[in-house]
Amino acid sequence: MSAITLSSAQAHLDAWLAASIAVAAAQSYEISTPTGTRKLTSADAAEIRNMIVFWETRVNRLSGVGRKRLRYFVPSSD
């Protein structure tokens, strides 16, 4: 079982989305991390995008989104 809960993953995703919006508007943003506070600037845009994708994937996985797959087969002519 994963140590990261859905609510924790959602909180991380929300924080990175807020960072993205703030950096786009003000060109810098401070985010709290487990090891302290970190200042992000527009130069960190690629990392912000990567973290959004990471946490969005984690949220989707924990909430079961994307697990339904369409499977089909072609009957053989044997």
N, C-alpha and C. Protein backbone atom coordinates (compact mmCIF):
# COMPACT_ATOMS: atom_id res chain seq x y z
N MET A 1 0.84 -1.18 0.00
CA MET A 1 0.00 0.00 0.00
C MET A 1 0.88 1.24 0.00
N SER A 2 0.46 2.23 -0.72
CA SER A 2 1.22 3.46 -0.86
C SER A 2 1.13 4.31 0.41
N ALA A 3 2.23 4.93 0.76
CA ALA A 3 2.24 5.81 1.93
C ALA A 3 1.60 7.16 1.62
N ILE A 4 1.45 7.46 0.34
CA ILE A 4 0.85 8.72 -0.07
C ILE A 4 -0.65 8.51 -0.27
N THR A 5 -1.44 9.32 0.43
CA THR A 5 -2.89 9.21 0.32
C THR A 5 -3.39 10.11 -0.80
N LEU A 6 -4.62 9.89 -1.20
CA LEU A 6 -5.23 10.71 -2.23
C LEU A 6 -5.28 12.17 -1.79
N SER A 7 -5.64 12.42 -0.55
CA SER A 7 -5.74 13.81 -0.08
C SER A 7 -4.36 14.48 -0.05
N SER A 8 -3.34 13.73 0.32
CA SER A 8 -1.98 14.27 0.31
C SER A 8 -1.52 14.58 -1.11
N ALA A 9 -1.76 13.66 -2.02
CA ALA A 9 -1.39 13.88 -3.42
C ALA A 9 -2.13 15.08 -4.00
N GLN A 10 -3.42 15.20 -3.67
CA GLN A 10 -4.21 16.33 -4.16
C GLN A 10 -3.67 17.65 -3.61
N ALA A 11 -3.26 17.65 -2.34
CA ALA A 11 -2.69 18.86 -1.73
C ALA A 11 -1.40 19.26 -2.45
N HIS A 12 -0.56 18.29 -2.77
CA HIS A 12 0.67 18.58 -3.52
C HIS A 12 0.35 19.13 -4.90
N LEU A 13 -0.60 18.50 -5.58
CA LEU A 13 -1.00 18.97 -6.91
C LEU A 13 -1.52 20.40 -6.82
N ASP A 14 -2.37 20.68 -5.84
CA ASP A 14 -2.91 22.03 -5.67
C ASP A 14 -1.80 23.05 -5.43
N ALA A 15 -0.79 22.67 -4.64
CA ALA A 15 0.33 23.58 -4.36
C ALA A 15 1.12 23.89 -5.62
N TRP A 16 1.38 22.87 -6.44
CA TRP A 16 2.14 23.09 -7.67
C TRP A 16 1.32 23.86 -8.70
N LEU A 17 0.01 23.65 -8.73
CA LEU A 17 -0.84 24.45 -9.63
C LEU A 17 -0.83 25.92 -9.20
N ALA A 18 -0.89 26.15 -7.90
CA ALA A 18 -0.81 27.52 -7.38
C ALA A 18 0.53 28.16 -7.73
N ALA A 19 1.60 27.38 -7.63
CA ALA A 19 2.93 27.88 -8.00
C ALA A 19 2.97 28.26 -9.47
N SER A 20 2.37 27.45 -10.31
CA SER A 20 2.36 27.72 -11.74
C SER A 20 1.63 29.03 -12.04
N ILE A 21 0.48 29.21 -11.43
CA ILE A 21 -0.30 30.43 -11.64
C ILE A 21 0.45 31.65 -11.13
N ALA A 22 1.03 31.52 -9.95
CA ALA A 22 1.75 32.65 -9.35
C ALA A 22 2.99 33.02 -10.15
N VAL A 23 3.74 32.02 -10.59
CA VAL A 23 4.94 32.30 -11.37
C VAL A 23 4.57 32.95 -12.70
N ALA A 24 3.47 32.49 -13.30
CA ALA A 24 3.04 33.09 -14.57
C ALA A 24 2.63 34.55 -14.37
N ALA A 25 2.04 34.86 -13.24
CA ALA A 25 1.56 36.22 -12.99
C ALA A 25 2.64 37.14 -12.42
N ALA A 26 3.39 36.64 -11.45
CA ALA A 26 4.33 37.50 -10.74
C ALA A 26 5.79 37.14 -10.97
N GLN A 27 6.05 36.10 -11.71
CA GLN A 27 7.40 35.64 -12.03
C GLN A 27 8.18 35.04 -10.86
N SER A 28 7.58 34.95 -9.66
CA SER A 28 8.21 34.23 -8.56
C SER A 28 7.14 33.80 -7.56
N TYR A 29 7.47 32.77 -6.79
CA TYR A 29 6.51 32.20 -5.84
C TYR A 29 7.28 31.39 -4.82
N GLU A 30 6.81 31.40 -3.58
CA GLU A 30 7.43 30.59 -2.54
C GLU A 30 6.50 29.43 -2.21
N ILE A 31 7.07 28.23 -2.14
CA ILE A 31 6.29 27.03 -1.84
C ILE A 31 6.92 26.35 -0.63
N SER A 32 6.07 25.85 0.26
CA SER A 32 6.56 25.14 1.44
C SER A 32 6.81 23.68 1.08
N THR A 33 7.97 23.18 1.48
CA THR A 33 8.32 21.79 1.26
C THR A 33 8.62 21.16 2.62
N PRO A 34 8.72 19.83 2.68
CA PRO A 34 9.04 19.20 3.96
C PRO A 34 10.37 19.66 4.54
N THR A 35 11.28 20.15 3.70
CA THR A 35 12.59 20.58 4.18
C THR A 35 12.72 22.09 4.34
N GLY A 36 11.63 22.82 4.12
CA GLY A 36 11.67 24.27 4.28
C GLY A 36 10.87 24.98 3.21
N THR A 37 11.23 26.22 2.95
CA THR A 37 10.55 27.02 1.95
C THR A 37 11.45 27.16 0.73
N ARG A 38 10.84 27.13 -0.44
CA ARG A 38 11.62 27.23 -1.67
C ARG A 38 11.03 28.32 -2.55
N LYS A 39 11.88 29.14 -3.13
CA LYS A 39 11.43 30.20 -4.03
C LYS A 39 11.54 29.71 -5.47
N LEU A 40 10.44 29.81 -6.20
CA LEU A 40 10.40 29.41 -7.60
C LEU A 40 10.28 30.64 -8.48
N THR A 41 10.94 30.62 -9.61
CA THR A 41 10.86 31.73 -10.56
C THR A 41 10.44 31.18 -11.92
N SER A 42 10.31 32.06 -12.88
CA SER A 42 9.92 31.63 -14.22
C SER A 42 10.94 30.67 -14.81
N ALA A 43 12.18 30.73 -14.34
CA ALA A 43 13.20 29.80 -14.80
C ALA A 43 12.89 28.37 -14.35
N ASP A 44 12.04 28.22 -13.34
CA ASP A 44 11.67 26.90 -12.83
C ASP A 44 10.40 26.36 -13.49
N ALA A 45 9.95 26.98 -14.56
CA ALA A 45 8.68 26.60 -15.19
C ALA A 45 8.67 25.15 -15.63
N ALA A 46 9.77 24.65 -16.16
CA ALA A 46 9.83 23.25 -16.61
C ALA A 46 9.67 22.31 -15.42
N GLU A 47 10.32 22.62 -14.31
CA GLU A 47 10.19 21.78 -13.12
C GLU A 47 8.76 21.83 -12.58
N ILE A 48 8.16 23.00 -12.60
CA ILE A 48 6.78 23.15 -12.14
C ILE A 48 5.87 22.27 -12.99
N ARG A 49 6.04 22.33 -14.32
CA ARG A 49 5.22 21.49 -15.20
C ARG A 49 5.44 20.01 -14.91
N ASN A 50 6.70 19.61 -14.72
CA ASN A 50 6.99 18.20 -14.41
C ASN A 50 6.34 17.75 -13.11
N MET A 51 6.35 18.61 -12.11
CA MET A 51 5.75 18.25 -10.83
C MET A 51 4.22 18.19 -10.94
N ILE A 52 3.63 19.07 -11.74
CA ILE A 52 2.19 19.01 -11.96
C ILE A 52 1.81 17.69 -12.61
N VAL A 53 2.57 17.30 -13.64
CA VAL A 53 2.30 16.02 -14.31
C VAL A 53 2.47 14.86 -13.33
N PHE A 54 3.54 14.89 -12.53
CA PHE A 54 3.79 13.83 -11.55
C PHE A 54 2.62 13.70 -10.57
N TRP A 55 2.23 14.81 -9.95
CA TRP A 55 1.18 14.75 -8.94
C TRP A 55 -0.20 14.50 -9.55
N GLU A 56 -0.43 14.99 -10.77
CA GLU A 56 -1.70 14.71 -11.44
C GLU A 56 -1.81 13.22 -11.74
N THR A 57 -0.71 12.62 -12.17
CA THR A 57 -0.70 11.18 -12.42
C THR A 57 -0.95 10.41 -11.13
N ARG A 58 -0.32 10.85 -10.04
CA ARG A 58 -0.50 10.17 -8.76
C ARG A 58 -1.94 10.29 -8.28
N VAL A 59 -2.53 11.49 -8.39
CA VAL A 59 -3.92 11.70 -7.99
C VAL A 59 -4.85 10.80 -8.82
N ASN A 60 -4.63 10.77 -10.13
CA ASN A 60 -5.46 9.93 -11.00
C ASN A 60 -5.32 8.46 -10.64
N ARG A 61 -4.11 8.01 -10.36
CA ARG A 61 -3.88 6.61 -10.01
C ARG A 61 -4.57 6.26 -8.69
N LEU A 62 -4.46 7.15 -7.70
CA LEU A 62 -5.06 6.89 -6.39
C LEU A 62 -6.58 6.97 -6.42
N SER A 63 -7.12 7.77 -7.34
CA SER A 63 -8.57 7.91 -7.41
C SER A 63 -9.20 6.94 -8.40
N GLY A 64 -8.37 6.17 -9.09
CA GLY A 64 -8.90 5.18 -10.02
C GLY A 64 -9.22 5.72 -11.39
N VAL A 65 -8.88 6.97 -11.67
CA VAL A 65 -9.14 7.55 -12.99
C VAL A 65 -8.18 6.93 -14.00
N GLY A 66 -8.72 6.59 -15.14
CA GLY A 66 -7.87 6.07 -16.21
C GLY A 66 -7.64 4.58 -16.16
N ARG A 67 -8.28 3.89 -15.24
CA ARG A 67 -8.07 2.46 -15.14
C ARG A 67 -8.96 1.66 -16.09
N LYS A 68 -10.00 2.27 -16.57
CA LYS A 68 -10.89 1.57 -17.48
C LYS A 68 -10.25 1.55 -18.86
N ARG A 69 -10.10 0.36 -19.38
CA ARG A 69 -9.48 0.23 -20.69
C ARG A 69 -10.41 -0.55 -21.60
N LEU A 70 -10.50 -0.09 -22.81
CA LEU A 70 -11.29 -0.78 -23.80
C LEU A 70 -10.43 -1.88 -24.41
N ARG A 71 -10.91 -3.08 -24.32
CA ARG A 71 -10.18 -4.20 -24.90
C ARG A 71 -11.07 -4.89 -25.91
N TYR A 72 -10.48 -5.23 -27.00
CA TYR A 72 -11.25 -5.92 -28.02
C TYR A 72 -10.37 -7.00 -28.64
N PHE A 73 -10.98 -7.90 -29.33
CA PHE A 73 -10.22 -8.94 -30.00
C PHE A 73 -10.85 -9.21 -31.36
N VAL A 74 -10.04 -9.74 -32.20
CA VAL A 74 -10.50 -10.12 -33.53
C VAL A 74 -10.57 -11.64 -33.54
N PRO A 75 -11.75 -12.20 -33.75
CA PRO A 75 -11.86 -13.64 -33.76
C PRO A 75 -11.03 -14.24 -34.92
N SER A 76 -10.42 -15.33 -34.62
CA SER A 76 -9.62 -15.97 -35.67
C SER A 76 -10.54 -16.71 -36.63
N SER A 77 -10.06 -16.95 -37.80
CA SER A 77 -10.87 -17.62 -38.81
C SER A 77 -10.63 -19.12 -38.81
N ASP A 78 -10.09 -19.66 -37.72
CA ASP A 78 -9.83 -21.09 -37.63
C ASP A 78 -11.07 -21.91 -37.54
